[in-house]
Amino acid sequence: MTLSAPNAADISAAYRRCETITRQQAKNFAYGIALLPGDKRRALSAVYALARRIDDIGDGTLPAPDKLAALAEARAAVTTLAAGSAADAAATGDPVLIALHDAASRFHIPLAAFGELIDGCEADVRGDRYDTFSQLEHYCRCVAGSIGRLSLGVFGSQDQQAAEQLADALGIALQLTNILRDVREDLGNGRVYLPAEDLARFGCALIPPAPGELGEGKIDGPVPDLVRFEAERARGWYGIGMQLLPMLDWRSAACTGAMAGIYRRLLEHIAASPPQALAGRMSLPGREKALIAVAALTGLSTRRFNRRTPEVLP
């Protein structure tokens, strides 16, 4: 039996499904993705849709062995997608895989980076903890740096190697922000990300509920001081990662600037009020996110115009 490649209507429908997933579930990223031109917006939505699926496996309610089996299936699907044809993707009947295969045929998307994301999710399922920041940094590169490099495959850059390192750094900054936002929630789920060496340095303890016990766990010691320390560390990674923006075309830079800007603003809210952040998940209002996205688009547009017309500058 000869497999048929998806037709244009099938591919369009697959992309629409990915864009719907992105609009509904990418509460922060959607603001940046919306700033991209259509072809890049669709491609990045396909990247996000598969990443969301992988994350949902790791964060879902299945028993750990079933999660690991599902992640192994996802890894096999990515491997097949990278090596297979459009017809092979169509044969799955999976709109996310159909769209992602088409996107990878149009852009230099490093599909192997999904394997790193899966590595990180497997660490979550196992309940891995981190003795040192170096170990946590590796985890952040897996779960967030990978997304930065996948996104860069859509954006493109004249110096791809240097840009990949900066995208990786920006991913670390975003993941550190996530970790500080979700300390209480993660603890209740039995997860502790902050390095043991930092907890010891500040005389803090994060104690999850005992297996089978309901509750949020226990936070002990001057954890707000530790949060401020980690926030300063995240600022350093933002400082490195934001150097990526001048290496991108202006719409891609606006997208990246909007996404990073939202997370960076959230980090400042967390650093300004650690007790509030430790009490529950903090988030930015939709209006504030939209204003950050508009500022990223208009500010970068102006700089693009200025670069193209230096004769009008003083």
C-alpha atoms as a PDB file:
ATOM      1  CA  MET A   1       0.000   0.000   0.000  1.00  0.00           C
ATOM      2  CA  THR A   2       1.373   3.374  -1.026  1.00  0.00           C
ATOM      3  CA  LEU A   3       1.067   6.120   1.565  1.00  0.00           C
ATOM      4  CA  SER A   4      -0.176   9.501   0.371  1.00  0.00           C
ATOM      5  CA  ALA A   5       1.282  12.804   1.443  1.00  0.00           C
ATOM      6  CA  PRO A   6      -1.186  15.211   3.057  1.00  0.00           C
ATOM      7  CA  ASN A   7      -2.775  17.697   0.691  1.00  0.00           C
ATOM      8  CA  ALA A   8      -2.789  21.448   1.240  1.00  0.00           C
ATOM      9  CA  ALA A   9      -6.169  21.348   2.979  1.00  0.00           C
ATOM     10  CA  ASP A  10      -4.971  18.686   5.432  1.00  0.00           C
ATOM     11  CA  ILE A  11      -1.842  20.675   6.225  1.00  0.00           C
ATOM     12  CA  SER A  12      -3.813  23.887   6.722  1.00  0.00           C
ATOM     13  CA  ALA A  13      -6.212  22.094   9.064  1.00  0.00           C
ATOM     14  CA  ALA A  14      -3.263  20.652  10.997  1.00  0.00           C
ATOM     15  CA  TYR A  15      -1.738  24.084  11.457  1.00  0.00           C
ATOM     16  CA  ARG A  16      -5.081  25.519  12.579  1.00  0.00           C
ATOM     17  CA  ARG A  17      -5.269  22.841  15.249  1.00  0.00           C
ATOM     18  CA  CYS A  18      -1.792  23.752  16.496  1.00  0.00           C
ATOM     19  CA  GLU A  19      -2.653  27.454  16.549  1.00  0.00           C
ATOM     20  CA  THR A  20      -5.782  26.699  18.564  1.00  0.00           C
ATOM     21  CA  ILE A  21      -3.725  24.742  21.099  1.00  0.00           C
ATOM     22  CA  THR A  22      -1.290  27.645  21.324  1.00  0.00           C
ATOM     23  CA  ARG A  23      -4.003  30.268  21.826  1.00  0.00           C
ATOM     24  CA  GLN A  24      -5.755  28.199  24.472  1.00  0.00           C
ATOM     25  CA  GLN A  25      -2.780  26.880  26.422  1.00  0.00           C
ATOM     26  CA  ALA A  26       0.241  29.153  25.837  1.00  0.00           C
ATOM     27  CA  LYS A  27      -0.774  31.773  28.359  1.00  0.00           C
ATOM     28  CA  ASN A  28       2.498  33.705  28.001  1.00  0.00           C
ATOM     29  CA  PHE A  29       4.011  32.554  24.716  1.00  0.00           C
ATOM     30  CA  ALA A  30       0.893  33.288  22.659  1.00  0.00           C
ATOM     31  CA  TYR A  31       1.463  37.035  22.985  1.00  0.00           C
ATOM     32  CA  GLY A  32       4.857  36.750  21.305  1.00  0.00           C
ATOM     33  CA  ILE A  33       3.861  34.166  18.723  1.00  0.00           C
ATOM     34  CA  ALA A  34       1.055  36.440  17.544  1.00  0.00           C
ATOM     35  CA  LEU A  35       3.674  39.004  16.437  1.00  0.00           C
ATOM     36  CA  LEU A  36       5.213  36.671  13.860  1.00  0.00           C
ATOM     37  CA  PRO A  37       4.360  36.587  10.141  1.00  0.00           C
ATOM     38  CA  GLY A  38       1.999  33.792   9.173  1.00  0.00           C
ATOM     39  CA  ASP A  39       4.492  31.133   8.095  1.00  0.00           C
ATOM     40  CA  LYS A  40       6.635  31.484  11.205  1.00  0.00           C
ATOM     41  CA  ARG A  41       3.594  31.796  13.463  1.00  0.00           C
ATOM     42  CA  ARG A  42       2.206  28.527  12.157  1.00  0.00           C
ATOM     43  CA  ALA A  43       5.564  26.748  12.429  1.00  0.00           C
ATOM     44  CA  LEU A  44       6.176  27.915  16.002  1.00  0.00           C
ATOM     45  CA  SER A  45       2.639  26.922  16.949  1.00  0.00           C
ATOM     46  CA  ALA A  46       3.416  23.402  15.725  1.00  0.00           C
ATOM     47  CA  VAL A  47       6.582  23.363  17.847  1.00  0.00           C
ATOM     48  CA  TYR A  48       4.629  24.566  20.867  1.00  0.00           C
ATOM     49  CA  ALA A  49       1.810  22.061  20.376  1.00  0.00           C
ATOM     50  CA  LEU A  50       4.156  19.076  20.553  1.00  0.00           C
ATOM     51  CA  ALA A  51       6.107  20.588  23.462  1.00  0.00           C
ATOM     52  CA  ARG A  52       2.812  21.144  25.293  1.00  0.00           C
ATOM     53  CA  ARG A  53       1.846  17.516  24.727  1.00  0.00           C
ATOM     54  CA  ILE A  54       5.151  16.316  26.155  1.00  0.00           C
ATOM     55  CA  ASP A  55       4.851  18.623  29.176  1.00  0.00           C
ATOM     56  CA  ASP A  56       1.298  17.437  29.819  1.00  0.00           C
ATOM     57  CA  ILE A  57       2.502  13.849  29.996  1.00  0.00           C
ATOM     58  CA  GLY A  58       5.063  14.757  32.640  1.00  0.00           C
ATOM     59  CA  ASP A  59       2.613  16.884  34.632  1.00  0.00           C
ATOM     60  CA  GLY A  60      -0.418  14.630  34.239  1.00  0.00           C
ATOM     61  CA  THR A  61      -2.105  12.247  36.649  1.00  0.00           C
ATOM     62  CA  LEU A  62      -0.925   8.902  35.233  1.00  0.00           C
ATOM     63  CA  PRO A  63       1.187   6.660  37.457  1.00  0.00           C
ATOM     64  CA  ALA A  64       4.921   7.243  36.977  1.00  0.00           C
ATOM     65  CA  PRO A  65       5.543   4.029  34.973  1.00  0.00           C
ATOM     66  CA  ASP A  66       2.764   4.971  32.549  1.00  0.00           C
ATOM     67  CA  LYS A  67       4.170   8.487  32.188  1.00  0.00           C
ATOM     68  CA  LEU A  68       7.597   7.107  31.356  1.00  0.00           C
ATOM     69  CA  ALA A  69       6.048   4.755  28.799  1.00  0.00           C
ATOM     70  CA  ALA A  70       4.135   7.646  27.211  1.00  0.00           C
ATOM     71  CA  LEU A  71       7.293   9.754  27.085  1.00  0.00           C
ATOM     72  CA  ALA A  72       9.109   6.858  25.404  1.00  0.00           C
ATOM     73  CA  GLU A  73       6.335   6.748  22.801  1.00  0.00           C
ATOM     74  CA  ALA A  74       6.686  10.479  22.256  1.00  0.00           C
ATOM     75  CA  ARG A  75      10.439  10.075  21.807  1.00  0.00           C
ATOM     76  CA  ALA A  76       9.869   7.338  19.214  1.00  0.00           C
ATOM     77  CA  ALA A  77       7.334   9.526  17.395  1.00  0.00           C
ATOM     78  CA  VAL A  78       9.840  12.396  17.170  1.00  0.00           C
ATOM     79  CA  THR A  79      12.549  10.062  15.883  1.00  0.00           C
ATOM     80  CA  THR A  80      10.196   8.718  13.239  1.00  0.00           C
ATOM     81  CA  LEU A  81       9.064  12.228  12.342  1.00  0.00           C
ATOM     82  CA  ALA A  82      12.633  13.384  11.800  1.00  0.00           C
ATOM     83  CA  ALA A  83      13.475  10.443   9.540  1.00  0.00           C
ATOM     84  CA  GLY A  84      10.101   9.951   7.838  1.00  0.00           C
ATOM     85  CA  SER A  85       8.323  11.468   4.883  1.00  0.00           C
ATOM     86  CA  ALA A  86       5.253  13.680   4.738  1.00  0.00           C
ATOM     87  CA  ALA A  87       3.270  10.554   3.889  1.00  0.00           C
ATOM     88  CA  ASP A  88       4.562   8.881   7.064  1.00  0.00           C
ATOM     89  CA  ALA A  89       3.446  11.894   9.099  1.00  0.00           C
ATOM     90  CA  ALA A  90       0.044  11.844   7.396  1.00  0.00           C
ATOM     91  CA  ALA A  91      -0.348   8.142   8.182  1.00  0.00           C
ATOM     92  CA  THR A  92      -0.323   8.934  11.906  1.00  0.00           C
ATOM     93  CA  GLY A  93      -3.502  10.978  11.518  1.00  0.00           C
ATOM     94  CA  ASP A  94      -2.033  13.314  14.132  1.00  0.00           C
ATOM     95  CA  PRO A  95      -2.465  16.988  13.138  1.00  0.00           C
ATOM     96  CA  VAL A  96       0.392  18.080  15.402  1.00  0.00           C
ATOM     97  CA  LEU A  97       2.849  15.709  13.753  1.00  0.00           C
ATOM     98  CA  ILE A  98       1.564  16.567  10.272  1.00  0.00           C
ATOM     99  CA  ALA A  99       2.025  20.291  10.918  1.00  0.00           C
ATOM    100  CA  LEU A 100       5.417  19.850  12.557  1.00  0.00           C
ATOM    101  CA  HIS A 101       6.728  17.721   9.681  1.00  0.00           C
ATOM    102  CA  ASP A 102       5.651  20.396   7.226  1.00  0.00           C
ATOM    103  CA  ALA A 103       7.219  23.123   9.377  1.00  0.00           C
ATOM    104  CA  ALA A 104      10.497  21.183   9.564  1.00  0.00           C
ATOM    105  CA  SER A 105      10.517  20.951   5.753  1.00  0.00           C
ATOM    106  CA  ARG A 106      10.310  24.753   5.540  1.00  0.00           C
ATOM    107  CA  PHE A 107      12.552  25.785   8.433  1.00  0.00           C
ATOM    108  CA  HIS A 108      15.730  24.394  10.007  1.00  0.00           C
ATOM    109  CA  ILE A 109      14.001  23.094  13.128  1.00  0.00           C
ATOM    110  CA  PRO A 110      16.319  20.836  15.190  1.00  0.00           C
ATOM    111  CA  LEU A 111      13.743  18.142  15.964  1.00  0.00           C
ATOM    112  CA  ALA A 112      16.306  16.249  18.065  1.00  0.00           C
ATOM    113  CA  ALA A 113      15.910  18.981  20.704  1.00  0.00           C
ATOM    114  CA  PHE A 114      12.535  17.478  21.582  1.00  0.00           C
ATOM    115  CA  GLY A 115      14.554  14.550  22.926  1.00  0.00           C
ATOM    116  CA  GLU A 116      16.168  16.902  25.449  1.00  0.00           C
ATOM    117  CA  LEU A 117      12.743  18.164  26.504  1.00  0.00           C
ATOM    118  CA  ILE A 118      11.695  14.555  27.055  1.00  0.00           C
ATOM    119  CA  ASP A 119      14.886  13.971  29.103  1.00  0.00           C
ATOM    120  CA  GLY A 120      13.829  16.814  31.386  1.00  0.00           C
ATOM    121  CA  CYS A 121      10.273  15.533  31.719  1.00  0.00           C
ATOM    122  CA  GLU A 122      11.597  12.092  32.616  1.00  0.00           C
ATOM    123  CA  ALA A 123      13.649  13.730  35.375  1.00  0.00           C
ATOM    124  CA  ASP A 124      10.431  15.322  36.670  1.00  0.00           C
ATOM    125  CA  VAL A 125       8.628  11.987  36.679  1.00  0.00           C
ATOM    126  CA  ARG A 126      11.501  10.353  38.579  1.00  0.00           C
ATOM    127  CA  GLY A 127      11.427  13.199  41.094  1.00  0.00           C
ATOM    128  CA  ASP A 128      15.061  14.136  40.525  1.00  0.00           C
ATOM    129  CA  ARG A 129      16.501  16.790  42.824  1.00  0.00           C
ATOM    130  CA  TYR A 130      19.525  18.983  42.301  1.00  0.00           C
ATOM    131  CA  ASP A 131      22.472  19.284  44.640  1.00  0.00           C
ATOM    132  CA  THR A 132      24.151  22.121  42.758  1.00  0.00           C
ATOM    133  CA  PHE A 133      23.139  24.920  40.466  1.00  0.00           C
ATOM    134  CA  SER A 134      25.178  23.292  37.713  1.00  0.00           C
ATOM    135  CA  GLN A 135      22.853  20.297  37.871  1.00  0.00           C
ATOM    136  CA  LEU A 136      19.785  22.556  37.817  1.00  0.00           C
ATOM    137  CA  GLU A 137      21.249  24.476  34.896  1.00  0.00           C
ATOM    138  CA  HIS A 138      21.489  21.234  32.913  1.00  0.00           C
ATOM    139  CA  TYR A 139      17.831  20.501  33.668  1.00  0.00           C
ATOM    140  CA  CYS A 140      16.853  24.022  32.546  1.00  0.00           C
ATOM    141  CA  ARG A 141      18.760  23.561  29.299  1.00  0.00           C
ATOM    142  CA  CYS A 142      16.787  20.370  28.696  1.00  0.00           C
ATOM    143  CA  VAL A 143      13.282  21.666  29.343  1.00  0.00           C
ATOM    144  CA  ALA A 144      13.600  25.300  28.269  1.00  0.00           C
ATOM    145  CA  GLY A 145      16.857  25.782  26.375  1.00  0.00           C
ATOM    146  CA  SER A 146      15.576  23.115  24.002  1.00  0.00           C
ATOM    147  CA  ILE A 147      12.500  25.242  23.274  1.00  0.00           C
ATOM    148  CA  GLY A 148      14.741  28.240  22.665  1.00  0.00           C
ATOM    149  CA  ARG A 149      16.764  26.290  20.112  1.00  0.00           C
ATOM    150  CA  LEU A 150      13.642  24.891  18.451  1.00  0.00           C
ATOM    151  CA  SER A 151      12.244  28.418  18.213  1.00  0.00           C
ATOM    152  CA  LEU A 152      15.503  29.691  16.774  1.00  0.00           C
ATOM    153  CA  GLY A 153      15.147  27.094  14.036  1.00  0.00           C
ATOM    154  CA  VAL A 154      11.987  28.925  13.004  1.00  0.00           C
ATOM    155  CA  PHE A 155      13.414  32.416  13.479  1.00  0.00           C
ATOM    156  CA  GLY A 156      16.756  31.855  11.759  1.00  0.00           C
ATOM    157  CA  SER A 157      19.923  33.877  12.331  1.00  0.00           C
ATOM    158  CA  GLN A 158      23.009  34.867  10.377  1.00  0.00           C
ATOM    159  CA  ASP A 159      25.208  33.360  13.110  1.00  0.00           C
ATOM    160  CA  GLN A 160      23.263  30.274  14.114  1.00  0.00           C
ATOM    161  CA  GLN A 161      25.908  28.821  16.435  1.00  0.00           C
ATOM    162  CA  ALA A 162      26.253  31.968  18.531  1.00  0.00           C
ATOM    163  CA  ALA A 163      22.491  32.500  18.468  1.00  0.00           C
ATOM    164  CA  GLU A 164      21.863  28.969  19.765  1.00  0.00           C
ATOM    165  CA  GLN A 165      23.996  29.650  22.849  1.00  0.00           C
ATOM    166  CA  LEU A 166      22.050  32.830  23.573  1.00  0.00           C
ATOM    167  CA  ALA A 167      18.695  31.102  22.990  1.00  0.00           C
ATOM    168  CA  ASP A 168      19.810  28.449  25.449  1.00  0.00           C
ATOM    169  CA  ALA A 169      20.676  31.116  28.033  1.00  0.00           C
ATOM    170  CA  LEU A 170      17.311  32.803  27.581  1.00  0.00           C
ATOM    171  CA  GLY A 171      15.616  29.450  28.099  1.00  0.00           C
ATOM    172  CA  ILE A 172      17.473  29.041  31.398  1.00  0.00           C
ATOM    173  CA  ALA A 173      16.272  32.483  32.513  1.00  0.00           C
ATOM    174  CA  LEU A 174      12.662  31.646  31.675  1.00  0.00           C
ATOM    175  CA  GLN A 175      12.813  28.285  33.447  1.00  0.00           C
ATOM    176  CA  LEU A 176      14.328  29.804  36.578  1.00  0.00           C
ATOM    177  CA  THR A 177      11.414  32.243  36.576  1.00  0.00           C
ATOM    178  CA  ASN A 178       8.994  29.320  36.303  1.00  0.00           C
ATOM    179  CA  ILE A 179      10.694  27.564  39.197  1.00  0.00           C
ATOM    180  CA  LEU A 180      10.438  30.634  41.449  1.00  0.00           C
ATOM    181  CA  ARG A 181       6.809  31.169  40.451  1.00  0.00           C
ATOM    182  CA  ASP A 182       5.846  27.573  41.236  1.00  0.00           C
ATOM    183  CA  VAL A 183       7.756  26.783  44.448  1.00  0.00           C
ATOM    184  CA  ARG A 184       4.581  26.138  46.452  1.00  0.00           C
ATOM    185  CA  GLU A 185       2.773  24.239  43.700  1.00  0.00           C
ATOM    186  CA  ASP A 186       5.788  22.087  42.883  1.00  0.00           C
ATOM    187  CA  LEU A 187       6.353  21.299  46.542  1.00  0.00           C
ATOM    188  CA  GLY A 188       2.789  20.043  46.864  1.00  0.00           C
ATOM    189  CA  ASN A 189       3.484  17.758  43.907  1.00  0.00           C
ATOM    190  CA  GLY A 190       6.607  16.374  45.566  1.00  0.00           C
ATOM    191  CA  ARG A 191       9.056  18.360  43.424  1.00  0.00           C
ATOM    192  CA  VAL A 192      11.933  20.489  44.710  1.00  0.00           C
ATOM    193  CA  TYR A 193      14.035  22.275  42.104  1.00  0.00           C
ATOM    194  CA  LEU A 194      16.050  24.800  44.112  1.00  0.00           C
ATOM    195  CA  PRO A 195      19.575  23.406  44.590  1.00  0.00           C
ATOM    196  CA  ALA A 196      20.394  21.754  47.911  1.00  0.00           C
ATOM    197  CA  GLU A 197      23.562  23.848  48.170  1.00  0.00           C
ATOM    198  CA  ASP A 198      21.506  27.052  48.016  1.00  0.00           C
ATOM    199  CA  LEU A 199      18.940  25.796  50.521  1.00  0.00           C
ATOM    200  CA  ALA A 200      21.784  24.963  52.917  1.00  0.00           C
ATOM    201  CA  ARG A 201      23.486  28.304  52.323  1.00  0.00           C
ATOM    202  CA  PHE A 202      20.362  30.194  53.413  1.00  0.00           C
ATOM    203  CA  GLY A 203      19.327  27.729  56.109  1.00  0.00           C
ATOM    204  CA  CYS A 204      16.089  26.813  54.324  1.00  0.00           C
ATOM    205  CA  ALA A 205      14.120  23.617  53.909  1.00  0.00           C
ATOM    206  CA  LEU A 206      11.484  22.618  51.365  1.00  0.00           C
ATOM    207  CA  ILE A 207       9.747  19.492  52.622  1.00  0.00           C
ATOM    208  CA  PRO A 208       7.171  17.845  50.340  1.00  0.00           C
ATOM    209  CA  PRO A 209       4.204  15.942  51.764  1.00  0.00           C
ATOM    210  CA  ALA A 210       4.946  12.340  52.660  1.00  0.00           C
ATOM    211  CA  PRO A 211       3.926   9.780  50.008  1.00  0.00           C
ATOM    212  CA  GLY A 212       0.160   9.404  50.101  1.00  0.00           C
ATOM    213  CA  GLU A 213      -0.227  12.461  52.336  1.00  0.00           C
ATOM    214  CA  LEU A 214      -2.352  15.389  51.200  1.00  0.00           C
ATOM    215  CA  GLY A 215      -1.106  18.943  51.697  1.00  0.00           C
ATOM    216  CA  GLU A 216       1.246  21.583  50.375  1.00  0.00           C
ATOM    217  CA  GLY A 217       4.377  20.480  52.178  1.00  0.00           C
ATOM    218  CA  LYS A 218       6.432  22.677  54.459  1.00  0.00           C
ATOM    219  CA  ILE A 219       8.526  25.749  53.717  1.00  0.00           C
ATOM    220  CA  ASP A 220      10.968  26.521  56.508  1.00  0.00           C
ATOM    221  CA  GLY A 221      13.603  29.215  57.028  1.00  0.00           C
ATOM    222  CA  PRO A 222      14.279  32.523  55.237  1.00  0.00           C
ATOM    223  CA  VAL A 223      13.075  31.285  51.870  1.00  0.00           C
ATOM    224  CA  PRO A 224      12.193  34.831  50.689  1.00  0.00           C
ATOM    225  CA  ASP A 225      15.907  35.668  50.904  1.00  0.00           C
ATOM    226  CA  LEU A 226      16.677  32.607  48.812  1.00  0.00           C
ATOM    227  CA  VAL A 227      14.051  33.633  46.252  1.00  0.00           C
ATOM    228  CA  ARG A 228      15.673  37.067  45.910  1.00  0.00           C
ATOM    229  CA  PHE A 229      19.067  35.407  45.454  1.00  0.00           C
ATOM    230  CA  GLU A 230      17.771  33.099  42.724  1.00  0.00           C
ATOM    231  CA  ALA A 231      15.941  36.007  41.077  1.00  0.00           C
ATOM    232  CA  GLU A 232      19.223  37.893  40.815  1.00  0.00           C
ATOM    233  CA  ARG A 233      20.778  34.813  39.246  1.00  0.00           C
ATOM    234  CA  ALA A 234      17.918  34.692  36.720  1.00  0.00           C
ATOM    235  CA  ARG A 235      18.469  38.376  35.883  1.00  0.00           C
ATOM    236  CA  GLY A 236      22.024  37.491  34.896  1.00  0.00           C
ATOM    237  CA  TRP A 237      20.756  34.839  32.481  1.00  0.00           C
ATOM    238  CA  TYR A 238      18.262  37.312  31.001  1.00  0.00           C
ATOM    239  CA  GLY A 239      21.144  39.732  30.501  1.00  0.00           C
ATOM    240  CA  ILE A 240      22.966  37.116  28.434  1.00  0.00           C
ATOM    241  CA  GLY A 241      19.940  35.742  26.612  1.00  0.00           C
ATOM    242  CA  MET A 242      18.509  39.091  25.533  1.00  0.00           C
ATOM    243  CA  GLN A 243      21.652  39.630  23.440  1.00  0.00           C
ATOM    244  CA  LEU A 244      19.939  37.281  21.003  1.00  0.00           C
ATOM    245  CA  LEU A 245      17.456  39.934  19.868  1.00  0.00           C
ATOM    246  CA  PRO A 246      19.782  41.972  17.600  1.00  0.00           C
ATOM    247  CA  MET A 247      20.700  38.720  15.828  1.00  0.00           C
ATOM    248  CA  LEU A 248      17.115  38.114  14.671  1.00  0.00           C
ATOM    249  CA  ASP A 249      14.896  39.728  12.048  1.00  0.00           C
ATOM    250  CA  TRP A 250      12.704  42.353  13.635  1.00  0.00           C
ATOM    251  CA  ARG A 251       9.481  40.323  13.822  1.00  0.00           C
ATOM    252  CA  SER A 252      11.288  37.349  15.365  1.00  0.00           C
ATOM    253  CA  ALA A 253      13.041  39.722  17.750  1.00  0.00           C
ATOM    254  CA  ALA A 254       9.685  41.256  18.688  1.00  0.00           C
ATOM    255  CA  CYS A 255       8.258  37.785  19.374  1.00  0.00           C
ATOM    256  CA  THR A 256      11.233  36.839  21.531  1.00  0.00           C
ATOM    257  CA  GLY A 257      11.246  40.217  23.256  1.00  0.00           C
ATOM    258  CA  ALA A 258       7.563  39.928  24.105  1.00  0.00           C
ATOM    259  CA  MET A 259       7.843  36.416  25.533  1.00  0.00           C
ATOM    260  CA  ALA A 260      11.000  37.200  27.481  1.00  0.00           C
ATOM    261  CA  GLY A 261       9.610  40.559  28.565  1.00  0.00           C
ATOM    262  CA  ILE A 262       6.525  38.956  30.092  1.00  0.00           C
ATOM    263  CA  TYR A 263       8.598  36.473  32.054  1.00  0.00           C
ATOM    264  CA  ARG A 264      11.113  39.115  33.067  1.00  0.00           C
ATOM    265  CA  ARG A 265       8.312  41.336  34.397  1.00  0.00           C
ATOM    266  CA  LEU A 266       6.913  38.358  36.283  1.00  0.00           C
ATOM    267  CA  LEU A 267      10.355  37.768  37.798  1.00  0.00           C
ATOM    268  CA  GLU A 268      10.422  41.340  39.080  1.00  0.00           C
ATOM    269  CA  HIS A 269       7.006  40.883  40.707  1.00  0.00           C
ATOM    270  CA  ILE A 270       8.278  37.711  42.381  1.00  0.00           C
ATOM    271  CA  ALA A 271      11.484  39.383  43.584  1.00  0.00           C
ATOM    272  CA  ALA A 272       9.525  42.359  44.909  1.00  0.00           C
ATOM    273  CA  SER A 273       7.190  40.159  46.954  1.00  0.00           C
ATOM    274  CA  PRO A 274       8.620  36.683  47.671  1.00  0.00           C
ATOM    275  CA  PRO A 275       6.054  35.894  50.416  1.00  0.00           C
ATOM    276  CA  GLN A 276       3.229  36.451  47.937  1.00  0.00           C
ATOM    277  CA  ALA A 277       4.958  34.260  45.364  1.00  0.00           C
ATOM    278  CA  LEU A 278       5.490  31.523  47.960  1.00  0.00           C
ATOM    279  CA  ALA A 279       1.826  31.654  48.948  1.00  0.00           C
ATOM    280  CA  GLY A 280       0.627  30.728  45.455  1.00  0.00           C
ATOM    281  CA  ARG A 281       1.288  31.079  41.749  1.00  0.00           C
ATOM    282  CA  MET A 282       1.734  34.685  40.606  1.00  0.00           C
ATOM    283  CA  SER A 283       0.800  35.809  37.111  1.00  0.00           C
ATOM    284  CA  LEU A 284       0.525  39.005  35.119  1.00  0.00           C
ATOM    285  CA  PRO A 285      -2.851  40.399  34.081  1.00  0.00           C
ATOM    286  CA  GLY A 286      -3.687  39.974  30.399  1.00  0.00           C
ATOM    287  CA  ARG A 287      -3.592  43.740  29.876  1.00  0.00           C
ATOM    288  CA  GLU A 288      -0.039  43.956  31.209  1.00  0.00           C
ATOM    289  CA  LYS A 289       1.069  41.101  28.954  1.00  0.00           C
ATOM    290  CA  ALA A 290      -0.521  42.777  25.933  1.00  0.00           C
ATOM    291  CA  LEU A 291       1.210  46.068  26.692  1.00  0.00           C
ATOM    292  CA  ILE A 292       4.578  44.310  26.930  1.00  0.00           C
ATOM    293  CA  ALA A 293       3.943  42.635  23.568  1.00  0.00           C
ATOM    294  CA  VAL A 294       2.993  45.926  21.924  1.00  0.00           C
ATOM    295  CA  ALA A 295       6.048  47.620  23.378  1.00  0.00           C
ATOM    296  CA  ALA A 296       8.261  44.837  22.012  1.00  0.00           C
ATOM    297  CA  LEU A 297       6.766  45.205  18.540  1.00  0.00           C
ATOM    298  CA  THR A 298       6.773  48.994  18.322  1.00  0.00           C
ATOM    299  CA  GLY A 299      10.137  49.452  20.001  1.00  0.00           C
ATOM    300  CA  LEU A 300      11.895  46.977  17.775  1.00  0.00           C
ATOM    301  CA  SER A 301      10.140  48.316  14.698  1.00  0.00           C
ATOM    302  CA  THR A 302      11.478  51.772  15.447  1.00  0.00           C
ATOM    303  CA  ARG A 303      15.013  50.494  15.910  1.00  0.00           C
ATOM    304  CA  ARG A 304      14.741  48.570  12.654  1.00  0.00           C
ATOM    305  CA  PHE A 305      13.694  51.764  10.875  1.00  0.00           C
ATOM    306  CA  ASN A 306      16.561  53.662  12.473  1.00  0.00           C
ATOM    307  CA  ARG A 307      19.097  51.050  11.395  1.00  0.00           C
ATOM    308  CA  ARG A 308      17.855  51.257   7.840  1.00  0.00           C
ATOM    309  CA  THR A 309      17.921  55.070   7.685  1.00  0.00           C
ATOM    310  CA  PRO A 310      21.001  56.239   9.615  1.00  0.00           C
ATOM    311  CA  GLU A 311      21.060  59.493   7.685  1.00  0.00           C
ATOM    312  CA  VAL A 312      18.040  60.808   9.619  1.00  0.00           C
ATOM    313  CA  LEU A 313      19.680  60.278  12.994  1.00  0.00           C
ATOM    314  CA  PRO A 314      21.631  63.058  14.736  1.00  0.00           C
END
